[in-house]
Amino acid sequence: MLSEEKNRLLTRVGADQPMGQYLRRYWMPIAGMTEFDSRSTKPIRLMGEDLVLYKDLSGTFGLIDRRCAHRRADLSHGMVEQSGLRCNYHGWCFNEVGKCIQQPFEDTVAPQRKGRDRVAIKSYPVQTLGGLVWAYLGPQPAPLLPDWEAFSWPNGFSQIVVSEVPCNWFQCQENSIDPVHFEWMHENWGKRLRTGDMQLGPTHLRLDFKEFEHGFTYHRTKQDSDVRDDAWTIGRVCLWPNGFFLGEHFEWRVPIDDENTLSITWKYIRVPQERQPYVQAGIPTWQGPLYDAQGRWIDTHVMNQDFLAWVGQGRIADRSLEQLGASDRGVVAMRRRFFDELDAVAAGAEPKGLIRDPAGNRALRLPMMDREQVLNDFSSAQIKARPRMWLMYTTYVFQAGQPEAVRQQMAQALGLEARDYDGIIASRNANPAKA
């Protein structure tokens, strides 16, 4: 367990808090680019700051203070111009670096005063990569935005899912270093909910955790696997400081504020051999719901089950009351690293895993289980012969609410008929001959 003071260190993300200052030194995904096919502005709350993300008529993205410097009107209702965002209240216009570039009335009646030159609002750098819009809120010079290898994989259909989860970011990120929960929440509990079957799946036998430049890896063997399996030799990546990499998808837990988290998932699937070459025109982005039409928690899909567990720990988990077990060694290691990092940065050191050298930021590889299965070219017939692959190719198992339009885009790209996910996911080695 942790003291209340140490728990606050891990969870408070305001600009005046050590963790808030630390996380601001990393680029954060905040939206999907294709969201701006049908809108020009989006209100964003990020680490306790109220901002507006916009795309102007020249195609430039900006992230600026949500309040106009004039009379504090809400700029998320503003009008995009060729360069910048114009307040809908009195027409003041701000560009992507927060500079006021027009004050229509003042420019008309007293142009010689050039009052706009003295007006600016808060702004933050924005970049795009992998179909995502990224923001940097920290001190300059900013590190490089990591160019993960997955963003340049060819012949793939990708999609981005955004959800707002009503709890603190850190209990979400602890999930990224917690292998045993998959056995119980996603395999045993998920199956029992759907079928009533009380038979348990293969249990964990051995765990290991290792640290590397860009985070931690966790390693496991279960009753249906051994030390030759990728799950032991390579493992899954708890991506520093707030991500999870599972090979064919990323998950990020971006702090909205102390009590809310923006969950962003980026998912890739390679199209069958006969559908290649394939070039995706744009990566669709959709909003993943937490509740069904009756207001009940959605518990069918993998990440919806995670959301339910995280929120069940409270808005901010009280770690002073917890009793950790042997499966939590990774959680403990990650917490210790954060405490060490906060001390090191306070003393002037560089945070873990920042990238400064452009030559070292090209298609960066991460440890990756099942690399051949994700990236090799399979025919539709080969995919159909592998039950787990067939499930992943014909459904979206990670979150509920995939829009019909995205579902059909996926089906058309893959050349396979989309179907409903039944909420049951077996262990990856449940059928070794075909998995």
Protein backbone atom coordinates (compact mmCIF):
# COMPACT_ATOMS: atom_id res chain seq x y z
CA MET A 1 0.00 0.00 0.00
CA LEU A 2 0.99 3.64 -0.35
CA SER A 3 0.66 6.61 1.94
CA GLU A 4 -1.88 9.26 1.01
CA GLU A 5 1.00 11.62 0.21
CA LYS A 6 2.63 9.18 -2.22
CA ASN A 7 -0.74 8.43 -3.80
CA ARG A 8 -1.23 12.14 -4.45
CA LEU A 9 2.20 12.27 -6.12
CA LEU A 10 1.13 9.59 -8.61
CA THR A 11 -2.33 10.91 -9.36
CA ARG A 12 -2.36 14.73 -9.32
CA VAL A 13 -1.80 16.14 -12.81
CA GLY A 14 -2.22 19.90 -12.47
CA ALA A 15 0.51 22.16 -13.83
CA ASP A 16 1.64 22.90 -10.27
CA GLN A 17 1.97 19.23 -9.30
CA PRO A 18 5.11 17.06 -9.77
CA MET A 19 3.31 14.40 -11.84
CA GLY A 20 1.54 17.05 -13.90
CA GLN A 21 4.88 18.69 -14.65
CA TYR A 22 6.40 15.31 -15.46
CA LEU A 23 3.69 14.13 -17.86
CA ARG A 24 3.76 17.47 -19.68
CA ARG A 25 7.23 16.54 -20.93
CA TYR A 26 5.75 13.86 -23.20
CA TRP A 27 3.63 14.13 -26.34
CA MET A 28 0.02 13.08 -25.72
CA PRO A 29 -2.52 11.84 -28.30
CA ILE A 30 -5.68 13.91 -27.95
CA ALA A 31 -7.86 13.27 -31.03
CA GLY A 32 -8.12 11.54 -34.38
CA MET A 33 -7.39 13.53 -37.52
CA THR A 34 -10.55 12.34 -39.27
CA GLU A 35 -12.69 13.83 -36.50
CA PHE A 36 -12.04 17.09 -38.31
CA ASP A 37 -13.58 15.85 -41.54
CA SER A 38 -16.94 16.82 -40.03
CA ARG A 39 -16.00 19.50 -37.52
CA SER A 40 -13.51 22.33 -37.28
CA THR A 41 -13.18 22.76 -33.50
CA LYS A 42 -13.18 20.43 -30.52
CA PRO A 43 -13.13 21.43 -26.84
CA ILE A 44 -10.33 19.59 -25.04
CA ARG A 45 -9.68 19.34 -21.33
CA LEU A 46 -6.11 18.15 -20.85
CA MET A 47 -4.35 17.72 -17.51
CA GLY A 48 -6.78 20.15 -15.90
CA GLU A 49 -6.50 22.83 -18.61
CA ASP A 50 -9.47 23.87 -20.75
CA LEU A 51 -8.36 24.21 -24.37
CA VAL A 52 -9.75 24.10 -27.88
CA LEU A 53 -8.28 22.06 -30.70
CA TYR A 54 -9.05 23.38 -34.19
CA LYS A 55 -8.11 22.86 -37.81
CA ASP A 56 -8.11 26.02 -39.88
CA LEU A 57 -8.90 26.34 -43.59
CA SER A 58 -5.25 25.90 -44.54
CA GLY A 59 -5.22 22.51 -42.78
CA THR A 60 -3.14 23.70 -39.82
CA PHE A 61 -4.04 22.35 -36.38
CA GLY A 62 -3.89 24.60 -33.33
CA LEU A 63 -4.38 24.00 -29.62
CA ILE A 64 -5.11 27.19 -27.71
CA ASP A 65 -6.83 28.48 -24.58
CA ARG A 66 -10.55 27.83 -24.73
CA ARG A 67 -11.30 31.40 -23.58
CA CYS A 68 -10.91 34.45 -25.79
CA ALA A 69 -8.59 37.11 -24.36
CA HIS A 70 -11.24 39.79 -25.00
CA ARG A 71 -14.31 38.92 -22.93
CA ARG A 72 -13.57 35.24 -22.18
CA ALA A 73 -16.02 33.81 -24.70
CA ASP A 74 -15.80 30.09 -25.49
CA LEU A 75 -13.60 29.65 -28.58
CA SER A 76 -14.86 26.12 -29.21
CA HIS A 77 -17.82 27.90 -30.86
CA GLY A 78 -15.49 30.00 -32.99
CA MET A 79 -15.08 30.14 -36.76
CA VAL A 80 -11.97 28.81 -38.47
CA GLU A 81 -10.32 31.08 -41.00
CA GLN A 82 -7.59 30.54 -43.56
CA SER A 83 -5.16 31.08 -40.71
CA GLY A 84 -6.46 30.81 -37.18
CA LEU A 85 -9.64 30.65 -35.13
CA ARG A 86 -12.02 33.62 -34.86
CA CYS A 87 -14.11 34.24 -31.75
CA ASN A 88 -17.81 34.20 -32.60
CA TYR A 89 -18.55 36.95 -30.05
CA HIS A 90 -16.57 39.95 -31.36
CA GLY A 91 -14.42 38.49 -34.12
CA TRP A 92 -11.00 38.53 -32.54
CA CYS A 93 -8.84 35.97 -34.35
CA PHE A 94 -5.98 33.89 -32.92
CA ASN A 95 -3.45 31.73 -34.74
CA GLU A 96 -1.92 28.40 -33.71
CA VAL A 97 0.73 30.05 -31.51
CA GLY A 98 -1.93 32.03 -29.62
CA LYS A 99 -1.15 35.39 -31.21
CA CYS A 100 -4.08 37.72 -31.87
CA ILE A 101 -3.93 38.46 -35.59
CA GLN A 102 -7.17 40.44 -35.98
CA GLN A 103 -9.37 42.72 -33.85
CA PRO A 104 -11.95 43.78 -36.46
CA PHE A 105 -13.45 46.85 -34.77
CA GLU A 106 -10.21 48.07 -33.25
CA ASP A 107 -8.36 47.51 -36.53
CA THR A 108 -11.02 49.62 -38.28
CA VAL A 109 -11.30 52.60 -35.94
CA ALA A 110 -7.75 52.80 -34.61
CA PRO A 111 -5.43 50.84 -36.90
CA GLN A 112 -2.43 52.87 -35.81
CA ARG A 113 -2.62 51.49 -32.27
CA LYS A 114 -1.95 47.90 -33.38
CA GLY A 115 -3.49 46.67 -30.15
CA ARG A 116 -3.57 43.08 -31.37
CA ASP A 117 0.23 42.96 -31.22
CA ARG A 118 -0.01 43.07 -27.44
CA VAL A 119 -2.62 40.32 -27.14
CA ALA A 120 -1.93 36.58 -26.94
CA ILE A 121 -3.47 33.53 -25.31
CA LYS A 122 -2.04 30.24 -24.17
CA SER A 123 -1.10 27.83 -26.96
CA TYR A 124 0.63 24.47 -27.23
CA PRO A 125 2.49 22.72 -30.07
CA VAL A 126 0.51 20.19 -32.10
CA GLN A 127 1.68 17.47 -34.51
CA THR A 128 -0.04 14.71 -36.45
CA LEU A 129 1.19 11.13 -36.82
CA GLY A 130 -0.50 7.78 -37.34
CA GLY A 131 -3.85 9.47 -37.95
CA LEU A 132 -3.69 10.99 -34.46
CA VAL A 133 -3.38 14.59 -33.29
CA TRP A 134 -0.71 14.97 -30.59
CA ALA A 135 -0.10 17.80 -28.13
CA TYR A 136 2.90 18.84 -26.06
CA LEU A 137 2.33 20.94 -22.94
CA GLY A 138 5.82 20.92 -21.45
CA PRO A 139 8.97 23.05 -21.43
CA GLN A 140 10.95 23.77 -24.57
CA PRO A 141 12.77 22.38 -26.39
CA ALA A 142 10.14 19.69 -26.93
CA PRO A 143 11.33 16.12 -27.48
CA LEU A 144 10.61 14.42 -30.78
CA LEU A 145 7.21 12.83 -31.25
CA PRO A 146 8.00 9.08 -31.25
CA ASP A 147 7.67 7.56 -34.71
CA TRP A 148 6.61 4.07 -33.69
CA GLU A 149 7.08 1.42 -36.37
CA ALA A 150 3.39 0.52 -36.38
CA PHE A 151 2.44 3.89 -37.84
CA SER A 152 4.19 3.01 -41.11
CA TRP A 153 3.06 -0.61 -41.49
CA PRO A 154 1.64 -1.07 -45.02
CA ASN A 155 -1.49 -2.84 -46.27
CA GLY A 156 -3.47 -2.30 -43.11
CA PHE A 157 -6.88 -1.10 -42.01
CA SER A 158 -6.58 1.01 -38.85
CA GLN A 159 -9.12 2.68 -36.60
CA ILE A 160 -8.99 4.97 -33.57
CA VAL A 161 -11.36 4.77 -30.61
CA VAL A 162 -11.79 7.58 -28.08
CA SER A 163 -13.56 7.27 -24.71
CA GLU A 164 -13.78 9.41 -21.59
CA VAL A 165 -13.39 7.32 -18.45
CA PRO A 166 -14.47 8.83 -15.10
CA CYS A 167 -11.43 7.96 -13.02
CA ASN A 168 -7.80 8.92 -12.53
CA TRP A 169 -5.25 8.05 -15.22
CA PHE A 170 -2.93 6.07 -12.95
CA GLN A 171 -5.30 3.21 -12.15
CA CYS A 172 -5.83 2.91 -15.89
CA GLN A 173 -2.09 2.72 -16.54
CA GLU A 174 -1.54 0.15 -13.79
CA ASN A 175 -3.67 -2.17 -15.93
CA SER A 176 -0.83 -2.10 -18.50
CA ILE A 177 1.51 -3.97 -16.13
CA ASP A 178 -1.09 -6.41 -14.74
CA PRO A 179 -1.14 -9.66 -16.73
CA VAL A 180 -3.22 -11.78 -14.36
CA HIS A 181 -6.33 -9.63 -14.72
CA PHE A 182 -6.73 -10.91 -18.30
CA GLU A 183 -7.20 -14.48 -17.12
CA TRP A 184 -9.92 -13.52 -14.65
CA MET A 185 -11.70 -10.51 -16.09
CA HIS A 186 -11.60 -11.17 -19.82
CA GLU A 187 -11.53 -14.96 -19.94
CA ASN A 188 -13.24 -16.38 -16.85
CA TRP A 189 -15.62 -13.56 -15.87
CA GLY A 190 -16.43 -12.61 -19.47
CA LYS A 191 -17.31 -16.21 -20.36
CA ARG A 192 -19.41 -16.70 -17.23
CA LEU A 193 -21.39 -13.51 -17.94
CA ARG A 194 -22.20 -14.63 -21.45
CA THR A 195 -22.74 -18.36 -20.99
CA GLY A 196 -22.98 -19.19 -17.29
CA ASP A 197 -20.10 -21.63 -17.78
CA MET A 198 -18.22 -21.80 -14.47
CA GLN A 199 -15.28 -23.81 -15.80
CA LEU A 200 -12.07 -21.78 -15.45
CA GLY A 201 -9.58 -21.20 -18.23
CA PRO A 202 -5.83 -21.88 -18.08
CA THR A 203 -4.27 -20.20 -15.07
CA HIS A 204 -1.00 -18.27 -14.80
CA LEU A 205 2.00 -20.25 -13.60
CA ARG A 206 4.89 -17.81 -13.83
CA LEU A 207 5.39 -14.04 -14.18
CA ASP A 208 8.37 -11.82 -14.87
CA PHE A 209 8.79 -8.07 -15.38
CA LYS A 210 11.65 -6.26 -17.10
CA GLU A 211 12.44 -2.62 -17.68
CA PHE A 212 13.76 -1.15 -20.94
CA GLU A 213 14.22 2.31 -22.47
CA HIS A 214 10.56 2.85 -23.37
CA GLY A 215 8.84 1.22 -20.42
CA PHE A 216 8.43 -2.28 -19.01
CA THR A 217 7.60 -5.67 -20.42
CA TYR A 218 5.61 -8.32 -18.63
CA HIS A 219 6.11 -12.02 -19.28
CA ARG A 220 3.98 -15.01 -18.38
CA THR A 221 3.45 -18.71 -18.80
CA LYS A 222 0.06 -20.32 -18.33
CA GLN A 223 -1.20 -23.87 -18.18
CA ASP A 224 -1.53 -23.85 -21.98
CA SER A 225 1.92 -22.36 -22.74
CA ASP A 226 5.58 -22.67 -21.75
CA VAL A 227 8.85 -20.73 -21.83
CA ARG A 228 9.08 -21.08 -25.65
CA ASP A 229 5.99 -18.94 -26.14
CA ASP A 230 6.25 -15.27 -27.19
CA ALA A 231 4.30 -14.42 -24.05
CA TRP A 232 7.36 -15.45 -22.06
CA THR A 233 10.28 -14.71 -24.41
CA ILE A 234 9.03 -11.28 -25.62
CA GLY A 235 6.08 -10.20 -23.49
CA ARG A 236 3.73 -7.24 -23.64
CA VAL A 237 4.83 -3.61 -23.42
CA CYS A 238 3.76 -1.21 -20.68
CA LEU A 239 4.70 1.87 -22.71
CA TRP A 240 6.16 4.77 -20.75
CA PRO A 241 4.67 6.88 -19.33
CA ASN A 242 0.98 6.20 -20.04
CA GLY A 243 0.60 3.67 -22.83
CA PHE A 244 0.20 -0.03 -23.58
CA PHE A 245 1.44 -1.78 -26.76
CA LEU A 246 0.04 -5.19 -27.60
CA GLY A 247 1.48 -5.63 -31.11
CA GLU A 248 -1.54 -4.85 -33.27
CA HIS A 249 -2.75 -1.98 -31.14
CA PHE A 250 -1.77 0.82 -28.78
CA GLU A 251 -3.72 2.12 -25.82
CA TRP A 252 -3.03 5.48 -24.15
CA ARG A 253 -4.44 6.79 -20.86
CA VAL A 254 -4.31 10.59 -21.20
CA PRO A 255 -5.21 12.61 -18.08
CA ILE A 256 -8.17 14.94 -18.60
CA ASP A 257 -7.83 16.05 -14.99
CA ASP A 258 -7.34 14.35 -11.63
CA GLU A 259 -10.61 12.42 -11.88
CA ASN A 260 -11.09 11.73 -15.60
CA THR A 261 -9.06 10.01 -18.31
CA LEU A 262 -9.12 10.11 -22.10
CA SER A 263 -8.70 6.56 -23.39
CA ILE A 264 -7.31 6.46 -26.94
CA THR A 265 -6.86 3.20 -28.85
CA TRP A 266 -5.07 2.84 -32.20
CA LYS A 267 -5.77 -0.54 -33.86
CA TYR A 268 -4.17 -2.08 -36.97
CA ILE A 269 -5.14 -5.17 -38.90
CA ARG A 270 -3.33 -6.35 -42.04
CA VAL A 271 -5.63 -6.95 -44.99
CA PRO A 272 -5.66 -10.45 -46.52
CA GLN A 273 -3.16 -11.27 -49.24
CA GLU A 274 -5.69 -11.10 -52.06
CA ARG A 275 -6.75 -7.56 -51.01
CA GLN A 276 -3.24 -6.13 -51.38
CA PRO A 277 -1.94 -3.63 -52.21
CA TYR A 278 -4.20 -1.58 -49.97
CA VAL A 279 -3.79 2.07 -49.04
CA GLN A 280 -6.16 3.49 -46.42
CA ALA A 281 -7.45 6.93 -47.34
CA GLY A 282 -7.95 8.03 -43.72
CA ILE A 283 -8.10 6.35 -40.33
CA PRO A 284 -11.67 6.51 -38.98
CA THR A 285 -12.12 7.73 -35.41
CA TRP A 286 -15.14 6.85 -33.31
CA GLN A 287 -16.40 7.44 -29.78
CA GLY A 288 -16.59 4.33 -27.61
CA PRO A 289 -19.53 4.36 -25.14
CA LEU A 290 -19.28 3.17 -21.53
CA TYR A 291 -23.00 2.58 -20.94
CA ASP A 292 -25.80 0.92 -22.89
CA ALA A 293 -29.15 2.51 -23.77
CA GLN A 294 -30.51 1.62 -20.32
CA GLY A 295 -27.58 3.31 -18.56
CA ARG A 296 -25.91 0.05 -17.53
CA TRP A 297 -22.18 -0.58 -17.82
CA ILE A 298 -21.24 -2.31 -21.06
CA ASP A 299 -19.40 -5.49 -20.08
CA THR A 300 -19.12 -7.41 -23.37
CA HIS A 301 -15.86 -6.05 -24.82
CA VAL A 302 -12.31 -6.23 -23.53
CA MET A 303 -11.67 -2.56 -22.80
CA ASN A 304 -15.22 -1.95 -21.59
CA GLN A 305 -14.52 -4.59 -18.95
CA ASP A 306 -11.30 -2.75 -18.08
CA PHE A 307 -13.16 0.56 -17.81
CA LEU A 308 -15.64 -1.01 -15.42
CA ALA A 309 -12.82 -2.28 -13.20
CA TRP A 310 -10.90 1.01 -13.19
CA VAL A 311 -13.93 3.14 -12.34
CA GLY A 312 -14.88 0.61 -9.66
CA GLN A 313 -11.70 1.56 -7.81
CA GLY A 314 -13.09 5.06 -7.27
CA ARG A 315 -12.44 8.38 -8.98
CA ILE A 316 -8.94 8.21 -7.48
CA ALA A 317 -8.04 4.79 -6.09
CA ASP A 318 -7.15 4.91 -2.40
CA ARG A 319 -3.89 2.97 -2.41
CA SER A 320 -3.49 3.42 1.34
CA LEU A 321 -6.14 0.70 1.78
CA GLU A 322 -4.96 -1.87 -0.78
CA GLN A 323 -3.25 -5.18 0.00
CA LEU A 324 -0.97 -6.19 -2.84
CA GLY A 325 -0.16 -9.77 -3.83
CA ALA A 326 2.49 -11.67 -5.77
CA SER A 327 0.90 -10.78 -9.12
CA ASP A 328 1.47 -7.07 -8.42
CA ARG A 329 5.28 -7.04 -8.74
CA GLY A 330 5.01 -5.12 -12.00
CA VAL A 331 2.69 -2.55 -10.44
CA VAL A 332 5.18 -2.02 -7.61
CA ALA A 333 8.10 -1.71 -10.04
CA MET A 334 6.28 0.87 -12.13
CA ARG A 335 5.32 2.96 -9.10
CA ARG A 336 8.91 2.92 -7.85
CA ARG A 337 10.17 4.04 -11.24
CA PHE A 338 7.73 6.95 -11.25
CA PHE A 339 8.87 8.04 -7.79
CA ASP A 340 12.51 7.82 -8.91
CA GLU A 341 11.68 9.76 -12.08
CA LEU A 342 9.93 12.54 -10.20
CA ASP A 343 12.97 12.94 -7.96
CA ALA A 344 15.38 12.85 -10.90
CA VAL A 345 13.49 15.45 -12.94
CA ALA A 346 13.20 17.71 -9.90
CA ALA A 347 17.01 17.52 -9.72
CA GLY A 348 17.33 18.51 -13.39
CA ALA A 349 17.57 15.14 -15.15
CA GLU A 350 15.92 14.16 -18.44
CA PRO A 351 12.75 12.02 -18.11
CA LYS A 352 12.78 8.37 -19.13
CA GLY A 353 12.57 7.50 -22.81
CA LEU A 354 12.50 10.98 -24.40
CA ILE A 355 13.79 11.04 -27.97
CA ARG A 356 16.02 13.90 -29.10
CA ASP A 357 17.99 12.44 -32.04
CA PRO A 358 16.09 12.54 -35.36
CA ALA A 359 18.29 9.77 -36.75
CA GLY A 360 17.06 7.47 -34.00
CA ASN A 361 13.39 8.30 -34.49
CA ARG A 362 12.51 6.36 -37.63
CA ALA A 363 10.02 3.48 -37.42
CA LEU A 364 10.99 2.70 -33.84
CA ARG A 365 10.53 -0.96 -32.97
CA LEU A 366 9.05 -2.11 -29.68
CA PRO A 367 9.11 -5.66 -28.28
CA MET A 368 6.25 -7.39 -30.04
CA MET A 369 4.56 -10.72 -29.52
CA ASP A 370 3.10 -12.56 -32.51
CA ARG A 371 4.96 -10.31 -34.98
CA GLU A 372 4.64 -12.82 -37.83
CA GLN A 373 0.92 -13.29 -37.25
CA VAL A 374 0.30 -9.53 -37.25
CA LEU A 375 2.54 -8.61 -40.19
CA ASN A 376 2.78 -11.66 -42.45
CA ASP A 377 0.47 -11.93 -45.43
CA PHE A 378 -2.29 -14.50 -44.98
CA SER A 379 -5.01 -15.46 -47.42
CA SER A 380 -8.65 -15.29 -46.40
CA ALA A 381 -8.72 -19.08 -46.33
CA GLN A 382 -5.77 -19.20 -43.92
CA ILE A 383 -7.43 -16.62 -41.69
CA LYS A 384 -10.69 -18.59 -41.59
CA ALA A 385 -8.75 -21.70 -40.53
CA ARG A 386 -7.44 -19.94 -37.40
CA PRO A 387 -10.30 -19.25 -34.97
CA ARG A 388 -8.60 -16.45 -33.03
CA MET A 389 -7.48 -14.68 -36.21
CA TRP A 390 -10.96 -15.10 -37.69
CA LEU A 391 -12.44 -13.48 -34.59
CA MET A 392 -10.08 -10.50 -34.86
CA TYR A 393 -10.67 -10.07 -38.59
CA THR A 394 -14.45 -10.17 -38.51
CA THR A 395 -15.32 -8.39 -35.25
CA TYR A 396 -13.99 -5.56 -33.10
CA VAL A 397 -13.45 -7.20 -29.72
CA PHE A 398 -11.84 -4.32 -27.85
CA GLN A 399 -14.70 -1.84 -27.46
CA ALA A 400 -18.42 -1.77 -27.98
CA GLY A 401 -20.17 0.77 -30.16
CA GLN A 402 -18.26 0.50 -33.44
CA PRO A 403 -20.38 2.57 -35.86
CA GLU A 404 -21.95 0.71 -38.75
CA ALA A 405 -20.08 2.92 -41.24
CA VAL A 406 -16.71 1.96 -39.70
CA ARG A 407 -17.75 -1.67 -39.50
CA GLN A 408 -18.52 -1.65 -43.20
CA GLN A 409 -15.25 0.13 -44.03
CA MET A 410 -13.44 -2.62 -42.16
CA ALA A 411 -15.39 -5.37 -43.91
CA GLN A 412 -14.78 -3.83 -47.32
CA ALA A 413 -11.05 -3.39 -46.68
CA LEU A 414 -10.62 -6.96 -45.44
CA GLY A 415 -13.04 -8.55 -47.88
CA LEU A 416 -14.65 -10.46 -44.99
CA GLU A 417 -18.19 -10.16 -43.69
CA ALA A 418 -18.41 -8.31 -40.38
CA ARG A 419 -20.29 -9.99 -37.53
CA ASP A 420 -21.33 -9.25 -33.97
CA TYR A 421 -18.87 -10.03 -31.18
CA ASP A 422 -20.36 -12.51 -28.72
CA GLY A 423 -18.31 -11.28 -25.76
CA ILE A 424 -16.26 -14.47 -25.39
CA ILE A 425 -12.50 -14.41 -25.92
CA ALA A 426 -10.48 -17.56 -25.34
CA SER A 427 -6.86 -17.82 -24.24
CA ARG A 428 -4.53 -17.16 -27.21
CA ASN A 429 -3.30 -20.78 -26.97
CA ALA A 430 -6.69 -22.39 -26.41
CA ASN A 431 -6.38 -24.19 -29.76
CA PRO A 432 -2.62 -24.49 -30.35
CA ALA A 433 -3.03 -26.11 -33.74
CA LYS A 434 -4.93 -23.16 -35.14
CA ALA A 435 -4.41 -20.20 -32.80
